[in-house]
PDB file of N, CA and C in Angstrom:
ATOM      1  N   MET A   1       9.649  -6.269   3.531  1.00  0.00           N
ATOM      2  CA  MET A   1       8.239  -6.015   3.333  1.00  0.00           C
ATOM      3  C   MET A   1       7.945  -6.059   1.839  1.00  0.00           C
ATOM      4  N   GLU A   2       6.795  -6.674   1.512  1.00  0.00           N
ATOM      5  CA  GLU A   2       6.358  -6.719   0.123  1.00  0.00           C
ATOM      6  C   GLU A   2       4.907  -6.264   0.043  1.00  0.00           C
ATOM      7  N   PRO A   3       4.536  -5.535  -1.003  1.00  0.00           N
ATOM      8  CA  PRO A   3       3.151  -5.108  -1.133  1.00  0.00           C
ATOM      9  C   PRO A   3       2.265  -6.296  -1.504  1.00  0.00           C
ATOM     10  N   VAL A   4       1.117  -6.442  -0.804  1.00  0.00           N
ATOM     11  CA  VAL A   4       0.233  -7.580  -1.068  1.00  0.00           C
ATOM     12  C   VAL A   4      -1.177  -7.158  -1.457  1.00  0.00           C
ATOM     13  N   GLY A   5      -1.549  -5.903  -1.232  1.00  0.00           N
ATOM     14  CA  GLY A   5      -2.905  -5.496  -1.577  1.00  0.00           C
ATOM     15  C   GLY A   5      -3.167  -4.036  -1.287  1.00  0.00           C
ATOM     16  N   LEU A   6      -4.402  -3.658  -1.552  1.00  0.00           N
ATOM     17  CA  LEU A   6      -4.832  -2.280  -1.417  1.00  0.00           C
ATOM     18  C   LEU A   6      -6.107  -2.244  -0.596  1.00  0.00           C
ATOM     19  N   VAL A   7      -6.208  -1.291   0.327  1.00  0.00           N
ATOM     20  CA  VAL A   7      -7.415  -1.093   1.127  1.00  0.00           C
ATOM     21  C   VAL A   7      -7.766   0.385   1.118  1.00  0.00           C
ATOM     22  N   GLU A   8      -9.026   0.688   1.433  1.00  0.00           N
ATOM     23  CA  GLU A   8      -9.447   2.078   1.585  1.00  0.00           C
ATOM     24  C   GLU A   8      -9.951   2.237   3.010  1.00  0.00           C
ATOM     25  N   LYS A   9      -9.369   3.185   3.734  1.00  0.00           N
ATOM     26  CA  LYS A   9      -9.750   3.430   5.118  1.00  0.00           C
ATOM     27  C   LYS A   9     -10.369   4.809   5.246  1.00  0.00           C
ATOM     28  N   SER A  10     -11.432   4.886   6.026  1.00  0.00           N
ATOM     29  CA  SER A  10     -12.128   6.150   6.252  1.00  0.00           C
ATOM     30  C   SER A  10     -11.170   7.184   6.832  1.00  0.00           C
ATOM     31  N   GLY A  11     -11.117   8.342   6.219  1.00  0.00           N
ATOM     32  CA  GLY A  11     -10.274   9.423   6.700  1.00  0.00           C
ATOM     33  C   GLY A  11      -8.820   9.339   6.280  1.00  0.00           C
ATOM     34  N   LYS A  12      -8.383   8.186   5.793  1.00  0.00           N
ATOM     35  CA  LYS A  12      -6.979   8.025   5.395  1.00  0.00           C
ATOM     36  C   LYS A  12      -6.821   7.725   3.918  1.00  0.00           C
ATOM     37  N   GLY A  13      -7.909   7.407   3.243  1.00  0.00           N
ATOM     38  CA  GLY A  13      -7.851   7.123   1.817  1.00  0.00           C
ATOM     39  C   GLY A  13      -7.267   5.754   1.512  1.00  0.00           C
ATOM     40  N   TRP A  14      -6.725   5.622   0.313  1.00  0.00           N
ATOM     41  CA  TRP A  14      -6.152   4.352  -0.116  1.00  0.00           C
ATOM     42  C   TRP A  14      -4.857   4.081   0.632  1.00  0.00           C
ATOM     43  N   GLN A  15      -4.664   2.810   0.982  1.00  0.00           N
ATOM     44  CA  GLN A  15      -3.437   2.389   1.636  1.00  0.00           C
ATOM     45  C   GLN A  15      -2.955   1.086   1.021  1.00  0.00           C
ATOM     46  N   VAL A  16      -1.641   0.973   0.867  1.00  0.00           N
ATOM     47  CA  VAL A  16      -1.020  -0.257   0.387  1.00  0.00           C
ATOM     48  C   VAL A  16      -0.704  -1.111   1.611  1.00  0.00           C
ATOM     49  N   VAL A  17      -1.131  -2.365   1.573  1.00  0.00           N
ATOM     50  CA  VAL A  17      -0.841  -3.288   2.668  1.00  0.00           C
ATOM     51  C   VAL A  17       0.447  -4.025   2.322  1.00  0.00           C
ATOM     52  N   HIS A  18       1.418  -3.941   3.235  1.00  0.00           N
ATOM     53  CA  HIS A  18       2.695  -4.646   3.077  1.00  0.00           C
ATOM     54  C   HIS A  18       2.742  -5.815   4.045  1.00  0.00           C
ATOM     55  N   ARG A  19       3.389  -6.905   3.632  1.00  0.00           N
ATOM     56  CA  ARG A  19       3.564  -8.079   4.486  1.00  0.00           C
ATOM     57  C   ARG A  19       5.058  -8.338   4.653  1.00  0.00           C
ATOM     58  N   CYS A  20       5.463  -8.555   5.901  1.00  0.00           N
ATOM     59  CA  CYS A  20       6.860  -8.878   6.198  1.00  0.00           C
ATOM     60  C   CYS A  20       7.184 -10.253   5.628  1.00  0.00           C
ATOM     61  N   THR A  21       8.277 -10.351   4.897  1.00  0.00           N
ATOM     62  CA  THR A  21       8.667 -11.628   4.297  1.00  0.00           C
ATOM     63  C   THR A  21       9.240 -12.592   5.322  1.00  0.00           C
ATOM     64  N   ALA A  22       9.611 -12.093   6.502  1.00  0.00           N
ATOM     65  CA  ALA A  22      10.174 -12.963   7.541  1.00  0.00           C
ATOM     66  C   ALA A  22       9.101 -13.522   8.479  1.00  0.00           C
ATOM     67  N   CYS A  23       8.182 -12.649   8.954  1.00  0.00           N
ATOM     68  CA  CYS A  23       7.234 -13.096   9.978  1.00  0.00           C
ATOM     69  C   CYS A  23       5.774 -13.072   9.532  1.00  0.00           C
ATOM     70  N   GLY A  24       5.471 -12.426   8.402  1.00  0.00           N
ATOM     71  CA  GLY A  24       4.107 -12.386   7.898  1.00  0.00           C
ATOM     72  C   GLY A  24       3.259 -11.237   8.427  1.00  0.00           C
ATOM     73  N   HIS A  25       3.821 -10.387   9.287  1.00  0.00           N
ATOM     74  CA  HIS A  25       3.076  -9.243   9.824  1.00  0.00           C
ATOM     75  C   HIS A  25       2.619  -8.349   8.678  1.00  0.00           C
ATOM     76  N   ARG A  26       1.363  -7.877   8.758  1.00  0.00           N
ATOM     77  CA  ARG A  26       0.821  -6.976   7.731  1.00  0.00           C
ATOM     78  C   ARG A  26       0.698  -5.574   8.277  1.00  0.00           C
ATOM     79  N   GLN A  27       1.059  -4.585   7.449  1.00  0.00           N
ATOM     80  CA  GLN A  27       1.036  -3.178   7.854  1.00  0.00           C
ATOM     81  C   GLN A  27       0.502  -2.321   6.711  1.00  0.00           C
ATOM     82  N   PRO A  28      -0.627  -1.604   6.909  1.00  0.00           N
ATOM     83  CA  PRO A  28      -1.085  -0.682   5.871  1.00  0.00           C
ATOM     84  C   PRO A  28      -0.302   0.626   5.915  1.00  0.00           C
ATOM     85  N   ASN A  29      -0.003   1.181   4.750  1.00  0.00           N
ATOM     86  CA  ASN A  29       0.736   2.436   4.638  1.00  0.00           C
ATOM     87  C   ASN A  29       0.045   3.334   3.622  1.00  0.00           C
ATOM     88  N   ARG A  30      -0.117   4.609   3.984  1.00  0.00           N
ATOM     89  CA  ARG A  30      -0.756   5.559   3.077  1.00  0.00           C
ATOM     90  C   ARG A  30       0.066   5.748   1.813  1.00  0.00           C
ATOM     91  N   LEU A  31      -0.633   6.053   0.726  1.00  0.00           N
ATOM     92  CA  LEU A  31       0.034   6.331  -0.535  1.00  0.00           C
ATOM     93  C   LEU A  31       0.739   7.681  -0.464  1.00  0.00           C
ATOM     94  N   VAL A  32       1.873   7.768  -1.122  1.00  0.00           N
ATOM     95  CA  VAL A  32       2.595   9.029  -1.255  1.00  0.00           C
ATOM     96  C   VAL A  32       2.309   9.522  -2.661  1.00  0.00           C
ATOM     97  N   ARG A  33       1.598  10.646  -2.757  1.00  0.00           N
ATOM     98  CA  ARG A  33       1.194  11.146  -4.070  1.00  0.00           C
ATOM     99  C   ARG A  33       2.045  12.307  -4.536  1.00  0.00           C
ATOM    100  N   GLU A  34       2.733  12.973  -3.630  1.00  0.00           N
ATOM    101  CA  GLU A  34       3.565  14.124  -3.996  1.00  0.00           C
ATOM    102  C   GLU A  34       4.907  13.989  -3.298  1.00  0.00           C
ATOM    103  N   GLY A  35       5.861  14.806  -3.729  1.00  0.00           N
ATOM    104  CA  GLY A  35       7.163  14.812  -3.087  1.00  0.00           C
ATOM    105  C   GLY A  35       8.243  14.220  -3.963  1.00  0.00           C
ATOM    106  N   ALA A  36       9.354  13.893  -3.343  1.00  0.00           N
ATOM    107  CA  ALA A  36      10.530  13.422  -4.072  1.00  0.00           C
ATOM    108  C   ALA A  36      10.353  12.013  -4.631  1.00  0.00           C
ATOM    109  N   ALA A  37       9.593  11.154  -3.924  1.00  0.00           N
ATOM    110  CA  ALA A  37       9.448   9.769  -4.365  1.00  0.00           C
ATOM    111  C   ALA A  37       7.991   9.309  -4.250  1.00  0.00           C
ATOM    112  N   PRO A  38       7.103   9.815  -5.134  1.00  0.00           N
ATOM    113  CA  PRO A  38       5.695   9.404  -5.057  1.00  0.00           C
ATOM    114  C   PRO A  38       5.511   7.946  -5.482  1.00  0.00           C
ATOM    115  N   ASP A  39       4.462   7.313  -4.964  1.00  0.00           N
ATOM    116  CA  ASP A  39       4.157   5.936  -5.349  1.00  0.00           C
ATOM    117  C   ASP A  39       3.696   5.894  -6.805  1.00  0.00           C
ATOM    118  N   ASP A  40       4.017   4.810  -7.482  1.00  0.00           N
ATOM    119  CA  ASP A  40       3.639   4.601  -8.878  1.00  0.00           C
ATOM    120  C   ASP A  40       2.181   4.125  -8.900  1.00  0.00           C
ATOM    121  N   LEU A  41       1.249   5.001  -9.305  1.00  0.00           N
ATOM    122  CA  LEU A  41      -0.172   4.657  -9.275  1.00  0.00           C
ATOM    123  C   LEU A  41      -0.513   3.492 -10.192  1.00  0.00           C
ATOM    124  N   ASP A  42       0.176   3.341 -11.307  1.00  0.00           N
ATOM    125  CA  ASP A  42      -0.075   2.197 -12.192  1.00  0.00           C
ATOM    126  C   ASP A  42       0.241   0.894 -11.474  1.00  0.00           C
ATOM    127  N   LEU A  43       1.330   0.864 -10.741  1.00  0.00           N
ATOM    128  CA  LEU A  43       1.711  -0.326  -9.995  1.00  0.00           C
ATOM    129  C   LEU A  43       0.733  -0.578  -8.852  1.00  0.00           C
ATOM    130  N   VAL A  44       0.356   0.479  -8.134  1.00  0.00           N
ATOM    131  CA  VAL A  44      -0.576   0.351  -7.004  1.00  0.00           C
ATOM    132  C   VAL A  44      -1.922  -0.183  -7.478  1.00  0.00           C
ATOM    133  N   LEU A  45      -2.429   0.334  -8.603  1.00  0.00           N
ATOM    134  CA  LEU A  45      -3.723  -0.114  -9.098  1.00  0.00           C
ATOM    135  C   LEU A  45      -3.703  -1.557  -9.591  1.00  0.00           C
ATOM    136  N   GLY A  46      -2.524  -2.122  -9.784  1.00  0.00           N
ATOM    137  CA  GLY A  46      -2.394  -3.528 -10.157  1.00  0.00           C
ATOM    138  C   GLY A  46      -2.490  -4.477  -8.975  1.00  0.00           C
ATOM    139  N   LEU A  47      -2.473  -3.927  -7.752  1.00  0.00           N
ATOM    140  CA  LEU A  47      -2.587  -4.765  -6.550  1.00  0.00           C
ATOM    141  C   LEU A  47      -4.035  -5.144  -6.319  1.00  0.00           C
ATOM    142  N   PRO A  48      -4.284  -6.317  -5.719  1.00  0.00           N
ATOM    143  CA  PRO A  48      -5.674  -6.716  -5.449  1.00  0.00           C
ATOM    144  C   PRO A  48      -6.250  -5.930  -4.269  1.00  0.00           C
ATOM    145  N   TRP A  49      -7.578  -5.686  -4.303  1.00  0.00           N
ATOM    146  CA  TRP A  49      -8.269  -5.051  -3.177  1.00  0.00           C
ATOM    147  C   TRP A  49      -8.464  -6.096  -2.103  1.00  0.00           C
ATOM    148  N   LEU A  50      -8.168  -5.734  -0.882  1.00  0.00           N
ATOM    149  CA  LEU A  50      -8.339  -6.654   0.259  1.00  0.00           C
ATOM    150  C   LEU A  50      -9.556  -6.283   1.056  1.00  0.00           C
TER     151      LEU A  50
END
């Protein structure tokens, strides 16, 4: 899976859209803002809005 963009969904907030490198399936995933391995917001904000 590779990150391809960013979307905002009602009730779920910002989500990173990942695309499977083998089949092309796209899957949105919520951002992790706290915890042991939070998402890098600088990197996320560099993704295009879909």
